[in-house]
Amino acid sequence: MDNKPKPSQPQRTGGPTVSGNQQRFPQQGGPRPSQQGRQGNPNRNEKQEQHAINENIRAREVRLVGDNVEQGIYSIQEARRIADELELDLIEISPTAQPPVCKILDYQKYLYQQKKRQKEQKAKAAKVVVKEIRFGPQTDEHDFNFKLKHAQGFLQEGSKVKAYVFFKGRSILFKEQGEVLLLRFASALEDYGKVEQMPQLEGKRMIMMLAPKKK
């Protein structure tokens, strides 16, 4: 037998050979360079996607509303022409309507106003104030009217009113009397507020909640 070692194969330094099609496209598993740029900031176009505007509106006709146009139904071409003449944007504000409802406004200004309105609504909801008014089960007429006047002022300024009767010691025996007093209180305030919670006994207190009426 010939025990001479076989000559070793020369190592390739240029990497595996690939066909012409394989050279044109990168291997699967990693994004293309152009895709990496898009993926770097996925929220870049978030504002622009909130509404369809201008050329992105696909409906054939739209209903224009607003103070700066003659309201009515227009072809999409005519609506875009009006927006161009006013140097503003055609904004689709109600895409599910038939036909979709649009306004002609500056789009960035429209987004700013919407954001501002949402902040104001949240701030208004967060600033709900609750004022407490305490009664005894045998409150006299003068004290009742004095507290009634205060409650009217609280409701007019937009505050809620938590009216309650406090039962001390054996006065809990008069809980029915306390309920009648609170219901009378609510009746006297019906022009200013509405009952959110009917009189309810919680420990030594019978509580009723009133909310201001919407103006």
N, C-alpha and C. Protein backbone atom coordinates (compact mmCIF):
# COMPACT_ATOMS: atom_id res chain seq x y z
N MET A 1 0.83 -1.20 0.00
CA MET A 1 0.00 0.00 0.00
C MET A 1 0.86 1.24 0.00
N ASP A 2 0.30 2.27 -0.64
CA ASP A 2 1.04 3.53 -0.71
C ASP A 2 0.65 4.38 0.48
N ASN A 3 1.52 4.53 1.47
CA ASN A 3 1.22 5.28 2.70
C ASN A 3 1.63 6.74 2.61
N LYS A 4 1.96 7.19 1.42
CA LYS A 4 2.35 8.59 1.32
C LYS A 4 1.16 9.47 1.58
N PRO A 5 1.30 10.47 2.42
CA PRO A 5 0.16 11.36 2.72
C PRO A 5 -0.26 12.13 1.47
N LYS A 6 -1.61 12.27 1.36
CA LYS A 6 -2.13 13.03 0.23
C LYS A 6 -1.89 14.51 0.44
N PRO A 7 -1.59 15.18 -0.61
CA PRO A 7 -1.36 16.63 -0.44
C PRO A 7 -2.63 17.32 0.03
N SER A 8 -2.49 18.22 0.99
CA SER A 8 -3.66 18.93 1.54
C SER A 8 -4.21 19.88 0.50
N GLN A 9 -5.59 20.02 0.57
CA GLN A 9 -6.24 20.93 -0.36
C GLN A 9 -5.97 22.38 0.05
N PRO A 10 -5.68 23.19 -0.91
CA PRO A 10 -5.43 24.62 -0.55
C PRO A 10 -6.69 25.26 -0.02
N GLN A 11 -6.60 26.08 1.04
CA GLN A 11 -7.75 26.76 1.65
C GLN A 11 -8.18 27.92 0.77
N ARG A 12 -9.51 28.04 0.69
CA ARG A 12 -10.07 29.14 -0.09
C ARG A 12 -10.16 30.39 0.78
N THR A 13 -9.73 31.47 0.24
CA THR A 13 -9.72 32.71 1.03
C THR A 13 -10.81 33.67 0.62
N GLY A 14 -11.48 33.40 -0.50
CA GLY A 14 -12.46 34.36 -1.00
C GLY A 14 -13.87 34.10 -0.53
N GLY A 15 -14.11 33.09 0.35
CA GLY A 15 -15.46 32.78 0.80
C GLY A 15 -16.15 31.89 -0.21
N PRO A 16 -17.28 31.34 0.11
CA PRO A 16 -17.99 30.42 -0.78
C PRO A 16 -18.44 31.15 -2.03
N THR A 17 -18.42 30.41 -3.11
CA THR A 17 -18.89 31.00 -4.36
C THR A 17 -20.39 31.02 -4.36
N VAL A 18 -20.98 32.04 -4.95
CA VAL A 18 -22.43 32.18 -5.01
C VAL A 18 -22.82 32.50 -6.43
N SER A 19 -24.07 32.19 -6.73
CA SER A 19 -24.56 32.47 -8.07
C SER A 19 -24.82 33.95 -8.23
N GLY A 20 -25.11 34.35 -9.47
CA GLY A 20 -25.34 35.77 -9.73
C GLY A 20 -26.53 36.30 -8.97
N ASN A 21 -27.61 35.51 -8.86
CA ASN A 21 -28.80 35.97 -8.14
C ASN A 21 -28.52 36.14 -6.66
N GLN A 22 -27.70 35.23 -6.10
CA GLN A 22 -27.39 35.30 -4.67
C GLN A 22 -26.53 36.52 -4.37
N GLN A 23 -25.69 36.93 -5.32
CA GLN A 23 -24.84 38.09 -5.08
C GLN A 23 -25.65 39.38 -5.02
N ARG A 24 -26.77 39.42 -5.71
CA ARG A 24 -27.55 40.65 -5.77
C ARG A 24 -28.31 40.93 -4.48
N PHE A 25 -28.71 39.89 -3.74
CA PHE A 25 -29.55 40.07 -2.55
C PHE A 25 -28.84 39.55 -1.31
N PRO A 26 -28.98 40.21 -0.19
CA PRO A 26 -28.37 39.73 1.06
C PRO A 26 -29.09 38.49 1.56
N GLN A 27 -28.44 37.77 2.46
CA GLN A 27 -29.03 36.57 3.02
C GLN A 27 -30.25 36.93 3.85
N GLN A 28 -31.22 35.99 3.90
CA GLN A 28 -32.40 36.20 4.73
C GLN A 28 -32.03 36.21 6.20
N GLY A 29 -32.83 36.90 6.97
CA GLY A 29 -32.57 36.93 8.41
C GLY A 29 -32.22 38.30 8.92
N GLY A 30 -31.69 39.18 8.09
CA GLY A 30 -31.35 40.54 8.51
C GLY A 30 -32.00 41.54 7.58
N PRO A 31 -32.40 42.67 8.09
CA PRO A 31 -33.05 43.68 7.25
C PRO A 31 -32.09 44.30 6.26
N ARG A 32 -32.63 44.69 5.13
CA ARG A 32 -31.81 45.40 4.16
C ARG A 32 -31.40 46.76 4.71
N PRO A 33 -30.33 47.31 4.22
CA PRO A 33 -29.89 48.63 4.73
C PRO A 33 -30.98 49.66 4.67
N SER A 34 -31.78 49.69 3.58
CA SER A 34 -32.82 50.70 3.47
C SER A 34 -33.91 50.49 4.50
N GLN A 35 -34.17 49.21 4.86
CA GLN A 35 -35.19 48.93 5.86
C GLN A 35 -34.73 49.33 7.25
N GLN A 36 -33.45 49.22 7.53
CA GLN A 36 -32.95 49.57 8.85
C GLN A 36 -33.22 51.03 9.16
N GLY A 37 -33.09 51.88 8.17
CA GLY A 37 -33.36 53.30 8.40
C GLY A 37 -34.81 53.53 8.78
N ARG A 38 -35.76 52.80 8.17
CA ARG A 38 -37.17 52.99 8.48
C ARG A 38 -37.51 52.47 9.87
N GLN A 39 -36.83 51.35 10.24
CA GLN A 39 -37.15 50.74 11.52
C GLN A 39 -36.56 51.50 12.69
N GLY A 40 -35.60 52.39 12.43
CA GLY A 40 -34.95 53.09 13.52
C GLY A 40 -35.89 53.97 14.31
N ASN A 41 -36.93 54.54 13.67
CA ASN A 41 -37.86 55.43 14.37
C ASN A 41 -39.28 55.11 13.92
N PRO A 42 -39.91 54.06 14.50
CA PRO A 42 -41.23 53.62 14.03
C PRO A 42 -42.31 54.65 14.23
N ASN A 43 -42.10 55.64 15.12
CA ASN A 43 -43.14 56.64 15.39
C ASN A 43 -42.94 57.92 14.59
N ARG A 44 -42.04 57.89 13.60
CA ARG A 44 -41.70 59.11 12.88
C ARG A 44 -42.91 59.72 12.19
N ASN A 45 -43.78 58.89 11.62
CA ASN A 45 -44.92 59.39 10.87
C ASN A 45 -46.23 59.22 11.63
N GLU A 46 -46.14 59.11 12.94
CA GLU A 46 -47.34 58.84 13.73
C GLU A 46 -48.39 59.93 13.56
N LYS A 47 -47.98 61.21 13.58
CA LYS A 47 -48.94 62.31 13.46
C LYS A 47 -49.62 62.30 12.10
N GLN A 48 -48.83 62.03 11.05
CA GLN A 48 -49.38 62.06 9.73
C GLN A 48 -50.41 60.95 9.51
N GLU A 49 -50.38 59.89 10.31
CA GLU A 49 -51.27 58.76 10.12
C GLU A 49 -52.57 58.90 10.92
N GLN A 50 -52.72 59.95 11.69
CA GLN A 50 -53.94 60.09 12.48
C GLN A 50 -55.16 60.33 11.61
N HIS A 51 -54.99 61.04 10.49
CA HIS A 51 -56.08 61.32 9.57
C HIS A 51 -55.56 61.20 8.15
N ALA A 52 -56.48 60.82 7.25
CA ALA A 52 -56.13 60.89 5.83
C ALA A 52 -56.24 62.35 5.40
N ILE A 53 -55.25 62.83 4.68
CA ILE A 53 -55.27 64.23 4.23
C ILE A 53 -54.89 64.30 2.76
N ASN A 54 -55.43 65.32 2.10
CA ASN A 54 -55.06 65.66 0.73
C ASN A 54 -55.11 64.46 -0.22
N GLU A 55 -53.97 64.09 -0.82
CA GLU A 55 -53.94 63.01 -1.81
C GLU A 55 -54.18 61.63 -1.21
N ASN A 56 -54.13 61.50 0.11
CA ASN A 56 -54.34 60.19 0.74
C ASN A 56 -55.81 59.87 0.96
N ILE A 57 -56.69 60.81 0.71
CA ILE A 57 -58.13 60.56 0.85
C ILE A 57 -58.59 59.79 -0.38
N ARG A 58 -59.20 58.62 -0.19
CA ARG A 58 -59.53 57.71 -1.29
C ARG A 58 -60.98 57.82 -1.77
N ALA A 59 -61.83 58.52 -1.03
CA ALA A 59 -63.24 58.60 -1.42
C ALA A 59 -63.39 59.39 -2.72
N ARG A 60 -64.42 59.07 -3.48
CA ARG A 60 -64.67 59.77 -4.74
C ARG A 60 -65.32 61.13 -4.48
N GLU A 61 -66.11 61.23 -3.40
CA GLU A 61 -66.73 62.49 -3.03
C GLU A 61 -66.73 62.62 -1.52
N VAL A 62 -66.78 63.86 -1.04
CA VAL A 62 -66.72 64.12 0.40
C VAL A 62 -67.70 65.22 0.75
N ARG A 63 -68.05 65.27 2.04
CA ARG A 63 -68.88 66.36 2.54
C ARG A 63 -67.99 67.37 3.24
N LEU A 64 -67.97 68.59 2.75
CA LEU A 64 -67.17 69.64 3.37
C LEU A 64 -67.99 70.35 4.44
N VAL A 65 -67.38 70.57 5.60
CA VAL A 65 -67.99 71.33 6.68
C VAL A 65 -66.97 72.34 7.18
N GLY A 66 -67.46 73.32 7.93
CA GLY A 66 -66.57 74.33 8.47
C GLY A 66 -67.01 75.73 8.07
N ASP A 67 -66.40 76.72 8.72
CA ASP A 67 -66.79 78.11 8.51
C ASP A 67 -66.18 78.73 7.26
N ASN A 68 -65.12 78.13 6.73
CA ASN A 68 -64.40 78.77 5.63
C ASN A 68 -64.79 78.24 4.25
N VAL A 69 -65.83 77.39 4.19
CA VAL A 69 -66.27 76.85 2.90
C VAL A 69 -67.80 76.84 2.85
N GLU A 70 -68.32 76.72 1.63
CA GLU A 70 -69.75 76.51 1.47
C GLU A 70 -70.00 75.02 1.69
N GLN A 71 -70.73 74.71 2.74
CA GLN A 71 -70.89 73.32 3.14
C GLN A 71 -71.72 72.56 2.12
N GLY A 72 -71.35 71.30 1.89
CA GLY A 72 -72.06 70.46 0.94
C GLY A 72 -71.20 69.31 0.48
N ILE A 73 -71.71 68.55 -0.49
CA ILE A 73 -71.01 67.39 -1.02
C ILE A 73 -70.26 67.80 -2.29
N TYR A 74 -68.99 67.45 -2.36
CA TYR A 74 -68.13 67.80 -3.48
C TYR A 74 -67.40 66.56 -3.98
N SER A 75 -67.04 66.56 -5.25
CA SER A 75 -66.13 65.52 -5.73
C SER A 75 -64.78 65.73 -5.06
N ILE A 76 -64.00 64.66 -4.94
CA ILE A 76 -62.72 64.77 -4.26
C ILE A 76 -61.79 65.74 -4.99
N GLN A 77 -61.91 65.79 -6.33
CA GLN A 77 -61.06 66.70 -7.10
C GLN A 77 -61.41 68.16 -6.77
N GLU A 78 -62.73 68.45 -6.68
CA GLU A 78 -63.15 69.81 -6.38
C GLU A 78 -62.75 70.21 -4.97
N ALA A 79 -62.89 69.28 -4.01
CA ALA A 79 -62.51 69.56 -2.63
C ALA A 79 -61.02 69.85 -2.52
N ARG A 80 -60.21 69.08 -3.23
CA ARG A 80 -58.77 69.34 -3.21
C ARG A 80 -58.44 70.68 -3.85
N ARG A 81 -59.16 71.03 -4.90
CA ARG A 81 -58.92 72.30 -5.57
C ARG A 81 -59.21 73.47 -4.63
N ILE A 82 -60.32 73.37 -3.87
CA ILE A 82 -60.67 74.43 -2.91
C ILE A 82 -59.59 74.55 -1.84
N ALA A 83 -59.12 73.41 -1.35
CA ALA A 83 -58.06 73.43 -0.33
C ALA A 83 -56.79 74.08 -0.88
N ASP A 84 -56.45 73.76 -2.14
CA ASP A 84 -55.26 74.36 -2.76
C ASP A 84 -55.42 75.88 -2.88
N GLU A 85 -56.60 76.33 -3.26
CA GLU A 85 -56.82 77.77 -3.42
C GLU A 85 -56.68 78.51 -2.09
N LEU A 86 -57.10 77.84 -1.01
CA LEU A 86 -57.00 78.44 0.33
C LEU A 86 -55.62 78.22 0.95
N GLU A 87 -54.77 77.44 0.24
CA GLU A 87 -53.43 77.10 0.74
C GLU A 87 -53.52 76.40 2.09
N LEU A 88 -54.49 75.48 2.19
CA LEU A 88 -54.70 74.70 3.41
C LEU A 88 -54.78 73.22 3.04
N ASP A 89 -55.02 72.38 4.05
CA ASP A 89 -55.09 70.93 3.85
C ASP A 89 -56.54 70.46 3.87
N LEU A 90 -56.82 69.44 3.06
CA LEU A 90 -58.11 68.75 3.11
C LEU A 90 -57.96 67.60 4.09
N ILE A 91 -58.72 67.65 5.20
CA ILE A 91 -58.55 66.69 6.30
C ILE A 91 -59.82 65.86 6.44
N GLU A 92 -59.68 64.55 6.41
CA GLU A 92 -60.82 63.63 6.58
C GLU A 92 -61.05 63.43 8.08
N ILE A 93 -62.11 64.05 8.63
CA ILE A 93 -62.33 63.99 10.07
C ILE A 93 -63.32 62.91 10.47
N SER A 94 -64.12 62.42 9.52
CA SER A 94 -65.08 61.35 9.82
C SER A 94 -65.09 60.37 8.65
N PRO A 95 -64.14 59.43 8.62
CA PRO A 95 -63.99 58.54 7.46
C PRO A 95 -65.12 57.53 7.29
N THR A 96 -65.88 57.24 8.36
CA THR A 96 -66.93 56.21 8.27
C THR A 96 -68.26 56.76 7.79
N ALA A 97 -68.38 58.09 7.72
CA ALA A 97 -69.63 58.69 7.25
C ALA A 97 -69.79 58.44 5.75
N GLN A 98 -71.01 58.55 5.25
CA GLN A 98 -71.29 58.38 3.83
C GLN A 98 -71.91 59.65 3.25
N PRO A 99 -71.18 60.46 2.49
CA PRO A 99 -69.75 60.32 2.20
C PRO A 99 -68.90 60.80 3.38
N PRO A 100 -67.59 60.52 3.37
CA PRO A 100 -66.73 60.97 4.47
C PRO A 100 -66.79 62.48 4.65
N VAL A 101 -66.67 62.91 5.92
CA VAL A 101 -66.72 64.33 6.24
C VAL A 101 -65.30 64.89 6.31
N CYS A 102 -65.11 66.04 5.67
CA CYS A 102 -63.79 66.66 5.63
C CYS A 102 -63.87 68.13 6.04
N LYS A 103 -62.74 68.63 6.52
CA LYS A 103 -62.58 70.06 6.78
C LYS A 103 -61.35 70.55 6.04
N ILE A 104 -61.34 71.84 5.73
CA ILE A 104 -60.18 72.45 5.09
C ILE A 104 -59.52 73.36 6.12
N LEU A 105 -58.37 72.91 6.61
CA LEU A 105 -57.66 73.61 7.68
C LEU A 105 -56.17 73.39 7.50
N ASP A 106 -55.37 74.14 8.26
CA ASP A 106 -53.95 73.83 8.38
C ASP A 106 -53.81 72.59 9.26
N TYR A 107 -53.23 71.53 8.73
CA TYR A 107 -53.25 70.24 9.43
C TYR A 107 -52.50 70.28 10.76
N GLN A 108 -51.33 70.92 10.77
CA GLN A 108 -50.56 70.97 12.02
C GLN A 108 -51.31 71.78 13.09
N LYS A 109 -51.98 72.84 12.66
CA LYS A 109 -52.77 73.64 13.59
C LYS A 109 -53.96 72.82 14.11
N TYR A 110 -54.55 72.03 13.23
CA TYR A 110 -55.68 71.17 13.61
C TYR A 110 -55.25 70.15 14.67
N LEU A 111 -54.09 69.52 14.48
CA LEU A 111 -53.58 68.55 15.46
C LEU A 111 -53.30 69.23 16.80
N TYR A 112 -52.73 70.43 16.74
CA TYR A 112 -52.42 71.17 17.96
C TYR A 112 -53.69 71.49 18.74
N GLN A 113 -54.75 71.95 18.03
CA GLN A 113 -56.00 72.29 18.70
C GLN A 113 -56.65 71.06 19.32
N GLN A 114 -56.58 69.93 18.62
CA GLN A 114 -57.14 68.69 19.18
C GLN A 114 -56.41 68.27 20.45
N LYS A 115 -55.08 68.36 20.42
CA LYS A 115 -54.28 67.99 21.59
C LYS A 115 -54.57 68.91 22.77
N LYS A 116 -54.71 70.20 22.47
CA LYS A 116 -55.00 71.18 23.51
C LYS A 116 -56.38 70.93 24.13
N ARG A 117 -57.36 70.60 23.29
CA ARG A 117 -58.71 70.32 23.77
C ARG A 117 -58.73 69.09 24.67
N GLN A 118 -57.97 68.05 24.30
CA GLN A 118 -57.91 66.84 25.10
C GLN A 118 -57.28 67.11 26.46
N LYS A 119 -56.24 67.96 26.50
CA LYS A 119 -55.59 68.31 27.77
C LYS A 119 -56.56 69.07 28.67
N GLU A 120 -57.33 69.99 28.08
CA GLU A 120 -58.29 70.77 28.86
C GLU A 120 -59.37 69.88 29.45
N GLN A 121 -59.83 68.90 28.67
CA GLN A 121 -60.86 67.98 29.16
C GLN A 121 -60.32 67.12 30.30
N LYS A 122 -59.08 66.65 30.18
CA LYS A 122 -58.48 65.85 31.25
C LYS A 122 -58.29 66.68 32.51
N ALA A 123 -57.83 67.93 32.33
CA ALA A 123 -57.61 68.81 33.48
C ALA A 123 -58.92 69.12 34.19
N LYS A 124 -59.97 69.32 33.40
CA LYS A 124 -61.27 69.63 33.98
C LYS A 124 -61.81 68.43 34.77
N ALA A 125 -61.60 67.23 34.23
CA ALA A 125 -62.07 66.02 34.91
C ALA A 125 -61.28 65.78 36.19
N ALA A 126 -59.98 66.15 36.19
CA ALA A 126 -59.13 65.91 37.35
C ALA A 126 -59.39 66.90 38.49
N LYS A 127 -60.02 68.03 38.19
CA LYS A 127 -60.21 69.07 39.18
C LYS A 127 -61.58 69.04 39.85
N VAL A 128 -62.22 67.87 39.89
CA VAL A 128 -63.51 67.76 40.55
C VAL A 128 -63.30 67.89 42.07
N VAL A 129 -63.99 68.86 42.65
CA VAL A 129 -63.86 69.14 44.09
C VAL A 129 -65.12 68.64 44.79
N VAL A 130 -64.94 68.01 45.94
CA VAL A 130 -66.07 67.53 46.74
C VAL A 130 -66.14 68.34 48.03
N LYS A 131 -67.27 69.00 48.25
CA LYS A 131 -67.50 69.77 49.47
C LYS A 131 -68.41 68.96 50.39
N GLU A 132 -68.08 68.95 51.68
CA GLU A 132 -68.88 68.19 52.65
C GLU A 132 -69.79 69.11 53.46
N ILE A 133 -71.00 68.65 53.66
CA ILE A 133 -71.96 69.36 54.51
C ILE A 133 -72.52 68.36 55.51
N ARG A 134 -72.38 68.71 56.79
CA ARG A 134 -72.74 67.78 57.86
C ARG A 134 -74.03 68.25 58.56
N PHE A 135 -74.89 67.28 58.80
CA PHE A 135 -76.11 67.53 59.56
C PHE A 135 -76.14 66.63 60.79
N GLY A 136 -76.92 67.05 61.75
CA GLY A 136 -77.31 66.16 62.85
C GLY A 136 -78.70 65.63 62.54
N PRO A 137 -79.09 64.53 63.17
CA PRO A 137 -80.41 63.95 62.87
C PRO A 137 -81.58 64.87 63.23
N GLN A 138 -81.33 65.86 64.10
CA GLN A 138 -82.41 66.77 64.50
C GLN A 138 -82.03 68.22 64.18
N THR A 139 -81.53 68.43 62.96
CA THR A 139 -81.14 69.78 62.53
C THR A 139 -82.36 70.69 62.47
N ASP A 140 -82.23 71.91 63.03
CA ASP A 140 -83.37 72.83 63.02
C ASP A 140 -83.48 73.53 61.66
N GLU A 141 -84.55 74.26 61.46
CA GLU A 141 -84.85 74.89 60.18
C GLU A 141 -83.81 75.93 59.79
N HIS A 142 -83.38 76.72 60.76
CA HIS A 142 -82.39 77.77 60.46
C HIS A 142 -81.08 77.16 59.97
N ASP A 143 -80.61 76.13 60.67
CA ASP A 143 -79.36 75.48 60.27
C ASP A 143 -79.51 74.80 58.91
N PHE A 144 -80.67 74.21 58.64
CA PHE A 144 -80.94 73.55 57.36
C PHE A 144 -80.82 74.56 56.21
N ASN A 145 -81.48 75.73 56.36
CA ASN A 145 -81.46 76.74 55.31
C ASN A 145 -80.07 77.34 55.12
N PHE A 146 -79.32 77.48 56.21
CA PHE A 146 -77.96 78.01 56.14
C PHE A 146 -77.08 77.07 55.30
N LYS A 147 -77.19 75.77 55.56
CA LYS A 147 -76.38 74.80 54.82
C LYS A 147 -76.89 74.61 53.40
N LEU A 148 -78.18 74.79 53.20
CA LEU A 148 -78.74 74.72 51.86
C LEU A 148 -78.14 75.81 50.97
N LYS A 149 -78.00 77.00 51.51
CA LYS A 149 -77.44 78.12 50.75
C LYS A 149 -75.99 77.84 50.37
N HIS A 150 -75.23 77.28 51.29
CA HIS A 150 -73.84 76.91 51.00
C HIS A 150 -73.78 75.86 49.89
N ALA A 151 -74.65 74.86 49.95
CA ALA A 151 -74.66 73.79 48.94
C ALA A 151 -74.99 74.35 47.56
N GLN A 152 -75.89 75.31 47.49
CA GLN A 152 -76.23 75.93 46.22
C GLN A 152 -75.00 76.59 45.61
N GLY A 153 -74.25 77.30 46.43
CA GLY A 153 -73.02 77.95 45.95
C GLY A 153 -71.99 76.93 45.47
N PHE A 154 -71.82 75.83 46.22
CA PHE A 154 -70.85 74.80 45.83
C PHE A 154 -71.22 74.20 44.47
N LEU A 155 -72.49 73.87 44.28
CA LEU A 155 -72.93 73.26 43.03
C LEU A 155 -72.81 74.23 41.86
N GLN A 156 -73.08 75.51 42.10
CA GLN A 156 -72.98 76.51 41.04
C GLN A 156 -71.54 76.70 40.58
N GLU A 157 -70.59 76.52 41.49
CA GLU A 157 -69.18 76.69 41.11
C GLU A 157 -68.60 75.42 40.50
N GLY A 158 -69.42 74.36 40.41
CA GLY A 158 -68.98 73.12 39.77
C GLY A 158 -68.49 72.05 40.70
N SER A 159 -68.60 72.25 42.01
CA SER A 159 -68.15 71.24 42.98
C SER A 159 -69.26 70.24 43.26
N LYS A 160 -68.87 69.03 43.63
CA LYS A 160 -69.83 68.05 44.11
C LYS A 160 -70.09 68.31 45.59
N VAL A 161 -71.23 67.83 46.06
CA VAL A 161 -71.58 68.00 47.47
C VAL A 161 -71.81 66.62 48.10
N LYS A 162 -71.09 66.40 49.19
CA LYS A 162 -71.27 65.18 49.98
C LYS A 162 -72.00 65.58 51.26
N ALA A 163 -73.30 65.36 51.27
CA ALA A 163 -74.11 65.70 52.44
C ALA A 163 -74.30 64.45 53.29
N TYR A 164 -74.12 64.59 54.59
CA TYR A 164 -74.29 63.41 55.44
C TYR A 164 -74.84 63.81 56.80
N VAL A 165 -75.52 62.85 57.38
CA VAL A 165 -76.04 63.00 58.75
C VAL A 165 -75.18 62.13 59.65
N PHE A 166 -74.64 62.75 60.70
CA PHE A 166 -73.79 62.01 61.64
C PHE A 166 -74.61 61.62 62.86
N PHE A 167 -74.58 60.33 63.16
CA PHE A 167 -75.34 59.80 64.30
C PHE A 167 -74.38 59.53 65.45
N LYS A 168 -74.59 60.25 66.53
CA LYS A 168 -73.73 60.12 67.70
C LYS A 168 -74.46 59.35 68.79
N GLY A 169 -73.81 58.29 69.28
CA GLY A 169 -74.41 57.49 70.36
C GLY A 169 -75.74 56.88 69.96
N ARG A 170 -76.75 57.09 70.80
CA ARG A 170 -78.06 56.49 70.58
C ARG A 170 -78.87 57.19 69.50
N SER A 171 -78.33 58.28 68.93
CA SER A 171 -79.07 58.98 67.88
C SER A 171 -79.20 58.13 66.61
N ILE A 172 -78.48 56.99 66.55
CA ILE A 172 -78.62 56.09 65.41
C ILE A 172 -80.05 55.58 65.29
N LEU A 173 -80.80 55.66 66.39
CA LEU A 173 -82.21 55.23 66.36
C LEU A 173 -83.03 56.13 65.44
N PHE A 174 -82.50 57.32 65.11
CA PHE A 174 -83.24 58.26 64.26
C PHE A 174 -82.74 58.23 62.81
N LYS A 175 -82.26 57.07 62.37
CA LYS A 175 -81.69 57.00 61.02
C LYS A 175 -82.75 57.29 59.94
N GLU A 176 -84.02 56.88 60.19
CA GLU A 176 -85.07 57.19 59.21
C GLU A 176 -85.28 58.71 59.11
N GLN A 177 -85.16 59.38 60.24
CA GLN A 177 -85.30 60.84 60.26
C GLN A 177 -84.15 61.48 59.48
N GLY A 178 -82.97 60.92 59.57
CA GLY A 178 -81.83 61.42 58.82
C GLY A 178 -82.01 61.23 57.32
N GLU A 179 -82.58 60.11 56.92
CA GLU A 179 -82.82 59.86 55.50
C GLU A 179 -83.82 60.87 54.93
N VAL A 180 -84.89 61.14 55.70
CA VAL A 180 -85.89 62.11 55.27
C VAL A 180 -85.25 63.48 55.11
N LEU A 181 -84.37 63.85 56.03
CA LEU A 181 -83.70 65.16 55.96
C LEU A 181 -82.86 65.27 54.70
N LEU A 182 -82.11 64.22 54.37
CA LEU A 182 -81.25 64.27 53.18
C LEU A 182 -82.07 64.33 51.89
N LEU A 183 -83.16 63.60 51.83
CA LEU A 183 -84.01 63.63 50.65
C LEU A 183 -84.66 65.00 50.48
N ARG A 184 -85.02 65.61 51.58
CA ARG A 184 -85.56 66.98 51.52
C ARG A 184 -84.49 67.95 51.03
N PHE A 185 -83.28 67.74 51.46
CA PHE A 185 -82.15 68.56 51.04
C PHE A 185 -81.93 68.45 49.52
N ALA A 186 -81.99 67.21 49.01
CA ALA A 186 -81.82 66.98 47.58
C ALA A 186 -82.94 67.63 46.77
N SER A 187 -84.16 67.54 47.30
CA SER A 187 -85.31 68.13 46.61
C SER A 187 -85.17 69.65 46.51
N ALA A 188 -84.64 70.27 47.56
CA ALA A 188 -84.47 71.72 47.57
C ALA A 188 -83.34 72.17 46.63
N LEU A 189 -82.48 71.22 46.22
CA LEU A 189 -81.35 71.56 45.35
C LEU A 189 -81.53 71.05 43.92
N GLU A 190 -82.73 70.62 43.56
CA GLU A 190 -82.92 69.98 42.26
C GLU A 190 -82.64 70.92 41.08
N ASP A 191 -82.71 72.23 41.31
CA ASP A 191 -82.40 73.18 40.23
C ASP A 191 -80.89 73.37 40.06
N TYR A 192 -80.11 72.90 41.01
CA TYR A 192 -78.67 73.13 40.99
C TYR A 192 -77.87 71.84 40.80
N GLY A 193 -78.40 70.71 41.23
CA GLY A 193 -77.66 69.46 41.14
C GLY A 193 -78.56 68.26 41.09
N LYS A 194 -77.95 67.12 40.80
CA LYS A 194 -78.69 65.87 40.73
C LYS A 194 -78.06 64.86 41.69
N VAL A 195 -78.85 63.95 42.17
CA VAL A 195 -78.37 62.96 43.14
C VAL A 195 -77.55 61.89 42.42
N GLU A 196 -76.31 61.72 42.83
CA GLU A 196 -75.46 60.65 42.30
C GLU A 196 -75.54 59.40 43.17
N GLN A 197 -75.74 59.59 44.45
CA GLN A 197 -75.87 58.45 45.37
C GLN A 197 -76.97 58.76 46.36
N MET A 198 -77.97 57.89 46.40
CA MET A 198 -79.06 58.07 47.35
C MET A 198 -78.54 57.87 48.77
N PRO A 199 -79.27 58.38 49.78
CA PRO A 199 -78.81 58.23 51.17
C PRO A 199 -78.48 56.78 51.50
N GLN A 200 -77.29 56.60 52.03
CA GLN A 200 -76.80 55.25 52.32
C GLN A 200 -76.04 55.28 53.65
N LEU A 201 -76.38 54.36 54.55
CA LEU A 201 -75.77 54.32 55.88
C LEU A 201 -74.40 53.65 55.79
N GLU A 202 -73.37 54.38 56.23
CA GLU A 202 -72.01 53.86 56.28
C GLU A 202 -71.46 54.11 57.68
N GLY A 203 -71.49 53.09 58.51
CA GLY A 203 -71.07 53.26 59.89
C GLY A 203 -72.02 54.18 60.63
N LYS A 204 -71.49 55.28 61.17
CA LYS A 204 -72.31 56.24 61.92
C LYS A 204 -72.77 57.41 61.05
N ARG A 205 -72.56 57.28 59.75
CA ARG A 205 -72.94 58.38 58.86
C ARG A 205 -73.89 57.88 57.76
N MET A 206 -74.90 58.68 57.46
CA MET A 206 -75.74 58.42 56.30
C MET A 206 -75.36 59.45 55.24
N ILE A 207 -74.89 58.95 54.10
CA ILE A 207 -74.25 59.80 53.10
C ILE A 207 -75.08 59.87 51.81
N MET A 208 -75.13 61.06 51.25
CA MET A 208 -75.75 61.26 49.94
C MET A 208 -74.81 62.15 49.11
N MET A 209 -74.67 61.81 47.81
CA MET A 209 -73.78 62.56 46.93
C MET A 209 -74.61 63.31 45.90
N LEU A 210 -74.24 64.57 45.67
CA LEU A 210 -74.90 65.42 44.69
C LEU A 210 -73.85 65.95 43.70
N ALA A 211 -74.19 65.97 42.42
CA ALA A 211 -73.30 66.50 41.39
C ALA A 211 -73.95 67.71 40.73
N PRO A 212 -73.16 68.70 40.32
CA PRO A 212 -73.75 69.88 39.68
C PRO A 212 -74.37 69.53 38.35
N LYS A 213 -75.44 70.24 38.00
CA LYS A 213 -76.05 70.03 36.70
C LYS A 213 -75.21 70.68 35.62
N LYS A 214 -75.15 70.03 34.47
CA LYS A 214 -74.36 70.57 33.36
C LYS A 214 -75.05 71.81 32.81
N LYS A 215 -74.23 72.82 32.53
CA LYS A 215 -74.78 74.07 32.02
C LYS A 215 -75.00 73.98 30.53
